[in-house]
Amino acid sequence: MSAHSARILLVDDHELFREGLAGLVNAQHDLTVAGQAGDGLEALTLARDVQPDLIVMDINMPICDGLEATRLIREALPDVRIVMLTVHEQDEKLFAAIKAGANGYMLKDTSSEDFLLGVRSTLGGEARLPPKLAASLLNAYARLAKQANTQTPTENNPDLTTRELEVLNMIAVGASNQEISDQLCISLHTTKSHVRNILSKLHAVNRRQAARLAAQRGLLGEK
């Protein structure tokens, strides 16, 4: 192991798979495993403790999934590199990962050689994506750019994000900030920020008015 080895945090709820990755990483002269976690909340705690250079993050995990863990870690450690490692070759998973703050996205059936190439590329500042999904991403952004030239937020479409719609739906059923935080696996600070944004975008003075306006505009049930 080099004195300047990049420190890697491995996050996956399957211990056998995680140990296999650890053996592969530790066999490299320029990489070392800084820690292992089995769920998103454990990953957040461990990331704060060990300050890794890069996190390899599974998407589907119990307690707190990889997407939400990535959002939380990105808030706490904005400079850490994060690669999502998953079995899903699905556009929506890729887009969700990028929105959460991931720097790369690799499939679990990738070869050891390609996995290590992806890790090193991401450490070097590149965005590692499977070719098929990279093409989908470019097409999606082209569509969004075209739509942005023709659409603007309206009273009935106040440009709420997917997460804000989730929070709004919980506000509508009377959930407290703490209950929203627990249910969505996000920090209380993040929940309060979402609530402030929702009130501002809906021009509501309080949560009750926000819920009433959301119902009137058909926003409830949207996520």
C-alpha atoms as a PDB file:
ATOM      1  CA  MET A   1       0.000   0.000   0.000  1.00  0.00           C
ATOM      2  CA  SER A   2       1.340   3.405  -0.985  1.00  0.00           C
ATOM      3  CA  ALA A   3       1.601   6.228   1.529  1.00  0.00           C
ATOM      4  CA  HIS A   4      -0.697   8.173  -0.783  1.00  0.00           C
ATOM      5  CA  SER A   5      -3.308   5.471  -1.404  1.00  0.00           C
ATOM      6  CA  ALA A   6      -6.820   6.742  -2.076  1.00  0.00           C
ATOM      7  CA  ARG A   7      -9.169   5.848   0.777  1.00  0.00           C
ATOM      8  CA  ILE A   8     -12.307   3.979  -0.319  1.00  0.00           C
ATOM      9  CA  LEU A   9     -15.496   3.470   1.707  1.00  0.00           C
ATOM     10  CA  LEU A  10     -17.565   0.463   0.570  1.00  0.00           C
ATOM     11  CA  VAL A  11     -21.330   0.540   1.199  1.00  0.00           C
ATOM     12  CA  ASP A  12     -23.477  -2.514   0.422  1.00  0.00           C
ATOM     13  CA  ASP A  13     -25.905  -4.564   2.501  1.00  0.00           C
ATOM     14  CA  HIS A  14     -24.534  -7.862   1.133  1.00  0.00           C
ATOM     15  CA  GLU A  15     -21.483  -8.623   3.248  1.00  0.00           C
ATOM     16  CA  LEU A  16     -20.082 -11.329   0.962  1.00  0.00           C
ATOM     17  CA  PHE A  17     -20.155  -9.000  -2.059  1.00  0.00           C
ATOM     18  CA  ARG A  18     -18.688  -6.176   0.015  1.00  0.00           C
ATOM     19  CA  GLU A  19     -15.829  -8.358   1.254  1.00  0.00           C
ATOM     20  CA  GLY A  20     -15.069  -9.353  -2.331  1.00  0.00           C
ATOM     21  CA  LEU A  21     -14.759  -5.699  -3.315  1.00  0.00           C
ATOM     22  CA  ALA A  22     -12.604  -5.038  -0.255  1.00  0.00           C
ATOM     23  CA  GLY A  23     -10.172  -7.759  -1.281  1.00  0.00           C
ATOM     24  CA  LEU A  24      -9.973  -6.365  -4.804  1.00  0.00           C
ATOM     25  CA  VAL A  25      -9.422  -2.787  -3.611  1.00  0.00           C
ATOM     26  CA  ASN A  26      -6.837  -3.678  -0.968  1.00  0.00           C
ATOM     27  CA  ALA A  27      -4.840  -5.636  -3.544  1.00  0.00           C
ATOM     28  CA  GLN A  28      -4.127  -2.381  -5.413  1.00  0.00           C
ATOM     29  CA  HIS A  29      -1.009  -0.355  -4.633  1.00  0.00           C
ATOM     30  CA  ASP A  30      -2.843   2.974  -4.950  1.00  0.00           C
ATOM     31  CA  LEU A  31      -6.132   2.123  -3.197  1.00  0.00           C
ATOM     32  CA  THR A  32      -7.105   1.063   0.312  1.00  0.00           C
ATOM     33  CA  VAL A  33     -10.396   0.304   2.060  1.00  0.00           C
ATOM     34  CA  ALA A  34     -11.048   2.942   4.717  1.00  0.00           C
ATOM     35  CA  GLY A  35     -14.213   1.273   5.986  1.00  0.00           C
ATOM     36  CA  GLN A  36     -17.325  -0.755   5.190  1.00  0.00           C
ATOM     37  CA  ALA A  37     -21.005  -0.076   5.875  1.00  0.00           C
ATOM     38  CA  GLY A  38     -24.166  -2.126   5.414  1.00  0.00           C
ATOM     39  CA  ASP A  39     -26.738   0.673   5.067  1.00  0.00           C
ATOM     40  CA  GLY A  40     -26.998   4.365   4.285  1.00  0.00           C
ATOM     41  CA  LEU A  41     -27.112   5.710   7.825  1.00  0.00           C
ATOM     42  CA  GLU A  42     -24.084   3.657   8.838  1.00  0.00           C
ATOM     43  CA  ALA A  43     -22.344   4.987   5.724  1.00  0.00           C
ATOM     44  CA  LEU A  44     -23.087   8.588   6.732  1.00  0.00           C
ATOM     45  CA  THR A  45     -21.640   8.083  10.212  1.00  0.00           C
ATOM     46  CA  LEU A  46     -18.594   6.235   8.918  1.00  0.00           C
ATOM     47  CA  ALA A  47     -17.950   8.758   6.146  1.00  0.00           C
ATOM     48  CA  ARG A  48     -17.819  11.557   8.701  1.00  0.00           C
ATOM     49  CA  ASP A  49     -15.374   9.537  10.800  1.00  0.00           C
ATOM     50  CA  VAL A  50     -12.955   8.237   8.162  1.00  0.00           C
ATOM     51  CA  GLN A  51     -13.205  11.068   5.575  1.00  0.00           C
ATOM     52  CA  PRO A  52     -12.799   8.829   2.493  1.00  0.00           C
ATOM     53  CA  ASP A  53     -11.671  10.044  -0.914  1.00  0.00           C
ATOM     54  CA  LEU A  54     -14.337   7.982  -2.664  1.00  0.00           C
ATOM     55  CA  ILE A  55     -17.448   6.041  -1.663  1.00  0.00           C
ATOM     56  CA  VAL A  56     -18.740   3.032  -3.601  1.00  0.00           C
ATOM     57  CA  MET A  57     -22.465   3.048  -2.815  1.00  0.00           C
ATOM     58  CA  ASP A  58     -25.126   0.416  -3.468  1.00  0.00           C
ATOM     59  CA  ILE A  59     -28.547   1.876  -4.319  1.00  0.00           C
ATOM     60  CA  ASN A  60     -30.968  -0.622  -2.761  1.00  0.00           C
ATOM     61  CA  MET A  61     -30.314  -1.057   0.964  1.00  0.00           C
ATOM     62  CA  PRO A  62     -32.454  -1.311   4.105  1.00  0.00           C
ATOM     63  CA  ILE A  63     -33.012   1.504   6.628  1.00  0.00           C
ATOM     64  CA  CYS A  64     -31.673   4.229   4.317  1.00  0.00           C
ATOM     65  CA  ASP A  65     -31.040   3.572   0.629  1.00  0.00           C
ATOM     66  CA  GLY A  66     -28.035   4.672  -1.370  1.00  0.00           C
ATOM     67  CA  LEU A  67     -29.755   7.614  -3.030  1.00  0.00           C
ATOM     68  CA  GLU A  68     -30.770   9.261   0.233  1.00  0.00           C
ATOM     69  CA  ALA A  69     -27.425   8.384   1.810  1.00  0.00           C
ATOM     70  CA  THR A  70     -25.701  10.109  -1.105  1.00  0.00           C
ATOM     71  CA  ARG A  71     -27.771  13.258  -0.543  1.00  0.00           C
ATOM     72  CA  LEU A  72     -26.931  13.278   3.169  1.00  0.00           C
ATOM     73  CA  ILE A  73     -23.235  12.586   2.630  1.00  0.00           C
ATOM     74  CA  ARG A  74     -23.055  15.236  -0.086  1.00  0.00           C
ATOM     75  CA  GLU A  75     -24.377  17.774   2.448  1.00  0.00           C
ATOM     76  CA  ALA A  76     -21.838  16.728   5.090  1.00  0.00           C
ATOM     77  CA  LEU A  77     -18.848  16.084   2.799  1.00  0.00           C
ATOM     78  CA  PRO A  78     -19.288  18.092  -0.412  1.00  0.00           C
ATOM     79  CA  ASP A  79     -15.877  17.151  -1.827  1.00  0.00           C
ATOM     80  CA  VAL A  80     -16.076  13.365  -1.505  1.00  0.00           C
ATOM     81  CA  ARG A  81     -16.458  11.403  -4.752  1.00  0.00           C
ATOM     82  CA  ILE A  82     -19.366   8.930  -4.872  1.00  0.00           C
ATOM     83  CA  VAL A  83     -19.899   6.065  -7.317  1.00  0.00           C
ATOM     84  CA  MET A  84     -23.202   4.194  -7.365  1.00  0.00           C
ATOM     85  CA  LEU A  85     -22.831   0.443  -7.878  1.00  0.00           C
ATOM     86  CA  THR A  86     -26.054  -1.378  -8.716  1.00  0.00           C
ATOM     87  CA  VAL A  87     -27.695  -4.204 -10.644  1.00  0.00           C
ATOM     88  CA  HIS A  88     -30.082  -1.741 -12.317  1.00  0.00           C
ATOM     89  CA  GLU A  89     -29.423  -0.614 -15.875  1.00  0.00           C
ATOM     90  CA  GLN A  90     -32.412   1.728 -15.745  1.00  0.00           C
ATOM     91  CA  ASP A  91     -32.576   5.347 -16.840  1.00  0.00           C
ATOM     92  CA  GLU A  92     -34.627   6.465 -13.832  1.00  0.00           C
ATOM     93  CA  LYS A  93     -32.085   5.020 -11.388  1.00  0.00           C
ATOM     94  CA  LEU A  94     -29.275   6.821 -13.188  1.00  0.00           C
ATOM     95  CA  PHE A  95     -31.120  10.148 -13.181  1.00  0.00           C
ATOM     96  CA  ALA A  96     -32.000   9.771  -9.492  1.00  0.00           C
ATOM     97  CA  ALA A  97     -28.365   9.006  -8.659  1.00  0.00           C
ATOM     98  CA  ILE A  98     -27.119  12.092 -10.490  1.00  0.00           C
ATOM     99  CA  LYS A  99     -29.733  14.287  -8.804  1.00  0.00           C
ATOM    100  CA  ALA A 100     -28.624  12.881  -5.449  1.00  0.00           C
ATOM    101  CA  GLY A 101     -25.047  13.969  -6.154  1.00  0.00           C
ATOM    102  CA  ALA A 102     -23.332  10.845  -7.484  1.00  0.00           C
ATOM    103  CA  ASN A 103     -20.192  11.289  -9.596  1.00  0.00           C
ATOM    104  CA  GLY A 104     -20.401   7.944 -11.364  1.00  0.00           C
ATOM    105  CA  TYR A 105     -22.606   4.906 -11.905  1.00  0.00           C
ATOM    106  CA  MET A 106     -21.441   1.324 -12.457  1.00  0.00           C
ATOM    107  CA  LEU A 107     -23.225  -2.000 -12.789  1.00  0.00           C
ATOM    108  CA  LYS A 108     -22.496  -4.879 -10.434  1.00  0.00           C
ATOM    109  CA  ASP A 109     -21.827  -7.256 -13.320  1.00  0.00           C
ATOM    110  CA  THR A 110     -18.911  -5.128 -14.513  1.00  0.00           C
ATOM    111  CA  SER A 111     -15.500  -6.793 -14.674  1.00  0.00           C
ATOM    112  CA  SER A 112     -12.898  -6.253 -11.960  1.00  0.00           C
ATOM    113  CA  GLU A 113     -10.757  -4.373 -14.466  1.00  0.00           C
ATOM    114  CA  ASP A 114     -13.588  -2.017 -15.424  1.00  0.00           C
ATOM    115  CA  PHE A 115     -14.557  -1.531 -11.777  1.00  0.00           C
ATOM    116  CA  LEU A 116     -11.031  -0.421 -10.875  1.00  0.00           C
ATOM    117  CA  LEU A 117     -10.891   1.782 -13.970  1.00  0.00           C
ATOM    118  CA  GLY A 118     -14.164   3.381 -12.889  1.00  0.00           C
ATOM    119  CA  VAL A 119     -12.893   3.995  -9.368  1.00  0.00           C
ATOM    120  CA  ARG A 120      -9.661   5.572 -10.574  1.00  0.00           C
ATOM    121  CA  SER A 121     -11.446   7.628 -13.234  1.00  0.00           C
ATOM    122  CA  THR A 122     -13.884   9.004 -10.675  1.00  0.00           C
ATOM    123  CA  LEU A 123     -11.047   9.811  -8.285  1.00  0.00           C
ATOM    124  CA  GLY A 124      -9.453  11.706 -11.163  1.00  0.00           C
ATOM    125  CA  GLY A 125     -12.529  13.867 -11.637  1.00  0.00           C
ATOM    126  CA  GLU A 126     -14.230  12.003 -14.483  1.00  0.00           C
ATOM    127  CA  ALA A 127     -17.888  10.919 -14.527  1.00  0.00           C
ATOM    128  CA  ARG A 128     -18.012   7.159 -15.099  1.00  0.00           C
ATOM    129  CA  LEU A 129     -21.183   5.851 -16.794  1.00  0.00           C
ATOM    130  CA  PRO A 130     -22.082   2.712 -18.774  1.00  0.00           C
ATOM    131  CA  PRO A 131     -22.183   3.665 -22.506  1.00  0.00           C
ATOM    132  CA  LYS A 132     -25.885   2.850 -22.911  1.00  0.00           C
ATOM    133  CA  LEU A 133     -26.868   4.953 -19.905  1.00  0.00           C
ATOM    134  CA  ALA A 134     -24.552   7.776 -20.944  1.00  0.00           C
ATOM    135  CA  ALA A 135     -26.432   7.996 -24.237  1.00  0.00           C
ATOM    136  CA  SER A 136     -29.766   8.017 -22.377  1.00  0.00           C
ATOM    137  CA  LEU A 137     -28.521  10.805 -20.138  1.00  0.00           C
ATOM    138  CA  LEU A 138     -27.479  12.971 -23.079  1.00  0.00           C
ATOM    139  CA  ASN A 139     -30.845  12.428 -24.761  1.00  0.00           C
ATOM    140  CA  ALA A 140     -32.706  13.290 -21.565  1.00  0.00           C
ATOM    141  CA  TYR A 141     -30.795  16.519 -21.057  1.00  0.00           C
ATOM    142  CA  ALA A 142     -31.402  17.460 -24.678  1.00  0.00           C
ATOM    143  CA  ARG A 143     -35.151  17.026 -24.114  1.00  0.00           C
ATOM    144  CA  LEU A 144     -35.024  19.035 -20.895  1.00  0.00           C
ATOM    145  CA  ALA A 145     -33.119  21.838 -22.585  1.00  0.00           C
ATOM    146  CA  LYS A 146     -35.749  21.979 -25.319  1.00  0.00           C
ATOM    147  CA  GLN A 147     -38.586  22.025 -22.779  1.00  0.00           C
ATOM    148  CA  ALA A 148     -36.884  24.749 -20.751  1.00  0.00           C
ATOM    149  CA  ASN A 149     -37.182  27.082 -23.723  1.00  0.00           C
ATOM    150  CA  THR A 150     -40.950  26.647 -23.910  1.00  0.00           C
ATOM    151  CA  GLN A 151     -42.129  26.081 -20.311  1.00  0.00           C
ATOM    152  CA  THR A 152     -42.235  28.345 -17.287  1.00  0.00           C
ATOM    153  CA  PRO A 153     -43.676  27.703 -13.820  1.00  0.00           C
ATOM    154  CA  THR A 154     -47.342  28.662 -13.424  1.00  0.00           C
ATOM    155  CA  GLU A 155     -49.636  28.996 -10.445  1.00  0.00           C
ATOM    156  CA  ASN A 156     -50.766  25.391 -10.842  1.00  0.00           C
ATOM    157  CA  ASN A 157     -47.228  24.190 -11.592  1.00  0.00           C
ATOM    158  CA  PRO A 158     -45.009  26.027  -9.068  1.00  0.00           C
ATOM    159  CA  ASP A 159     -41.873  24.110 -10.080  1.00  0.00           C
ATOM    160  CA  LEU A 160     -41.721  21.892  -6.989  1.00  0.00           C
ATOM    161  CA  THR A 161     -39.028  19.230  -6.985  1.00  0.00           C
ATOM    162  CA  THR A 162     -39.846  15.548  -6.539  1.00  0.00           C
ATOM    163  CA  ARG A 163     -38.588  15.678  -2.955  1.00  0.00           C
ATOM    164  CA  GLU A 164     -40.627  18.815  -2.227  1.00  0.00           C
ATOM    165  CA  LEU A 165     -43.746  17.075  -3.539  1.00  0.00           C
ATOM    166  CA  GLU A 166     -43.044  14.156  -1.191  1.00  0.00           C
ATOM    167  CA  VAL A 167     -42.702  16.555   1.738  1.00  0.00           C
ATOM    168  CA  LEU A 168     -45.822  18.459   0.660  1.00  0.00           C
ATOM    169  CA  ASN A 169     -47.867  15.256   0.622  1.00  0.00           C
ATOM    170  CA  MET A 170     -46.745  14.497   4.169  1.00  0.00           C
ATOM    171  CA  ILE A 171     -47.518  18.052   5.291  1.00  0.00           C
ATOM    172  CA  ALA A 172     -51.025  17.575   3.897  1.00  0.00           C
ATOM    173  CA  VAL A 173     -51.652  14.605   6.204  1.00  0.00           C
ATOM    174  CA  GLY A 174     -50.387  16.524   9.233  1.00  0.00           C
ATOM    175  CA  ALA A 175     -46.885  15.071   9.574  1.00  0.00           C
ATOM    176  CA  SER A 176     -44.426  17.021  11.723  1.00  0.00           C
ATOM    177  CA  ASN A 177     -40.940  17.940  10.531  1.00  0.00           C
ATOM    178  CA  GLN A 178     -39.469  15.144  12.653  1.00  0.00           C
ATOM    179  CA  GLU A 179     -41.930  12.604  11.240  1.00  0.00           C
ATOM    180  CA  ILE A 180     -41.079  13.719   7.702  1.00  0.00           C
ATOM    181  CA  SER A 181     -37.358  13.417   8.458  1.00  0.00           C
ATOM    182  CA  ASP A 182     -37.786   9.906   9.851  1.00  0.00           C
ATOM    183  CA  GLN A 183     -40.031   8.717   7.011  1.00  0.00           C
ATOM    184  CA  LEU A 184     -37.877  10.108   4.185  1.00  0.00           C
ATOM    185  CA  CYS A 185     -34.551   9.368   5.908  1.00  0.00           C
ATOM    186  CA  ILE A 186     -33.350  12.959   5.665  1.00  0.00           C
ATOM    187  CA  SER A 187     -31.980  15.337   8.275  1.00  0.00           C
ATOM    188  CA  LEU A 188     -34.258  17.679  10.214  1.00  0.00           C
ATOM    189  CA  HIS A 189     -32.343  20.630   8.755  1.00  0.00           C
ATOM    190  CA  THR A 190     -33.038  19.371   5.218  1.00  0.00           C
ATOM    191  CA  THR A 191     -36.727  18.886   6.017  1.00  0.00           C
ATOM    192  CA  LYS A 192     -37.036  22.451   7.315  1.00  0.00           C
ATOM    193  CA  SER A 193     -35.330  23.728   4.176  1.00  0.00           C
ATOM    194  CA  HIS A 194     -37.806  21.818   1.979  1.00  0.00           C
ATOM    195  CA  VAL A 195     -40.750  23.216   3.965  1.00  0.00           C
ATOM    196  CA  ARG A 196     -39.451  26.782   3.560  1.00  0.00           C
ATOM    197  CA  ASN A 197     -39.060  26.268  -0.189  1.00  0.00           C
ATOM    198  CA  ILE A 198     -42.568  24.828  -0.475  1.00  0.00           C
ATOM    199  CA  LEU A 199     -44.156  27.742   1.392  1.00  0.00           C
ATOM    200  CA  SER A 200     -42.234  30.206  -0.763  1.00  0.00           C
ATOM    201  CA  LYS A 201     -43.128  28.548  -4.070  1.00  0.00           C
ATOM    202  CA  LEU A 202     -46.810  28.210  -3.140  1.00  0.00           C
ATOM    203  CA  HIS A 203     -46.887  31.725  -1.626  1.00  0.00           C
ATOM    204  CA  ALA A 204     -48.360  30.177   1.522  1.00  0.00           C
ATOM    205  CA  VAL A 205     -48.049  31.720   4.983  1.00  0.00           C
ATOM    206  CA  ASN A 206     -48.165  28.410   6.860  1.00  0.00           C
ATOM    207  CA  ARG A 207     -48.339  24.630   6.438  1.00  0.00           C
ATOM    208  CA  ARG A 208     -52.139  24.504   6.602  1.00  0.00           C
ATOM    209  CA  GLN A 209     -52.480  26.993   3.762  1.00  0.00           C
ATOM    210  CA  ALA A 210     -49.828  25.124   1.765  1.00  0.00           C
ATOM    211  CA  ALA A 211     -51.824  21.895   2.101  1.00  0.00           C
ATOM    212  CA  ARG A 212     -55.041  23.643   1.070  1.00  0.00           C
ATOM    213  CA  LEU A 213     -53.413  25.262  -1.975  1.00  0.00           C
ATOM    214  CA  ALA A 214     -51.822  21.956  -2.956  1.00  0.00           C
ATOM    215  CA  ALA A 215     -55.204  20.235  -2.865  1.00  0.00           C
ATOM    216  CA  GLN A 216     -56.807  23.009  -4.932  1.00  0.00           C
ATOM    217  CA  ARG A 217     -54.078  22.799  -7.574  1.00  0.00           C
ATOM    218  CA  GLY A 218     -54.067  19.012  -7.811  1.00  0.00           C
ATOM    219  CA  LEU A 219     -50.549  18.635  -6.432  1.00  0.00           C
ATOM    220  CA  LEU A 220     -51.351  16.021  -3.796  1.00  0.00           C
ATOM    221  CA  GLY A 221     -50.571  12.484  -4.802  1.00  0.00           C
ATOM    222  CA  GLU A 222     -47.818  13.678  -7.195  1.00  0.00           C
ATOM    223  CA  LYS A 223     -44.294  12.414  -6.495  1.00  0.00           C
END
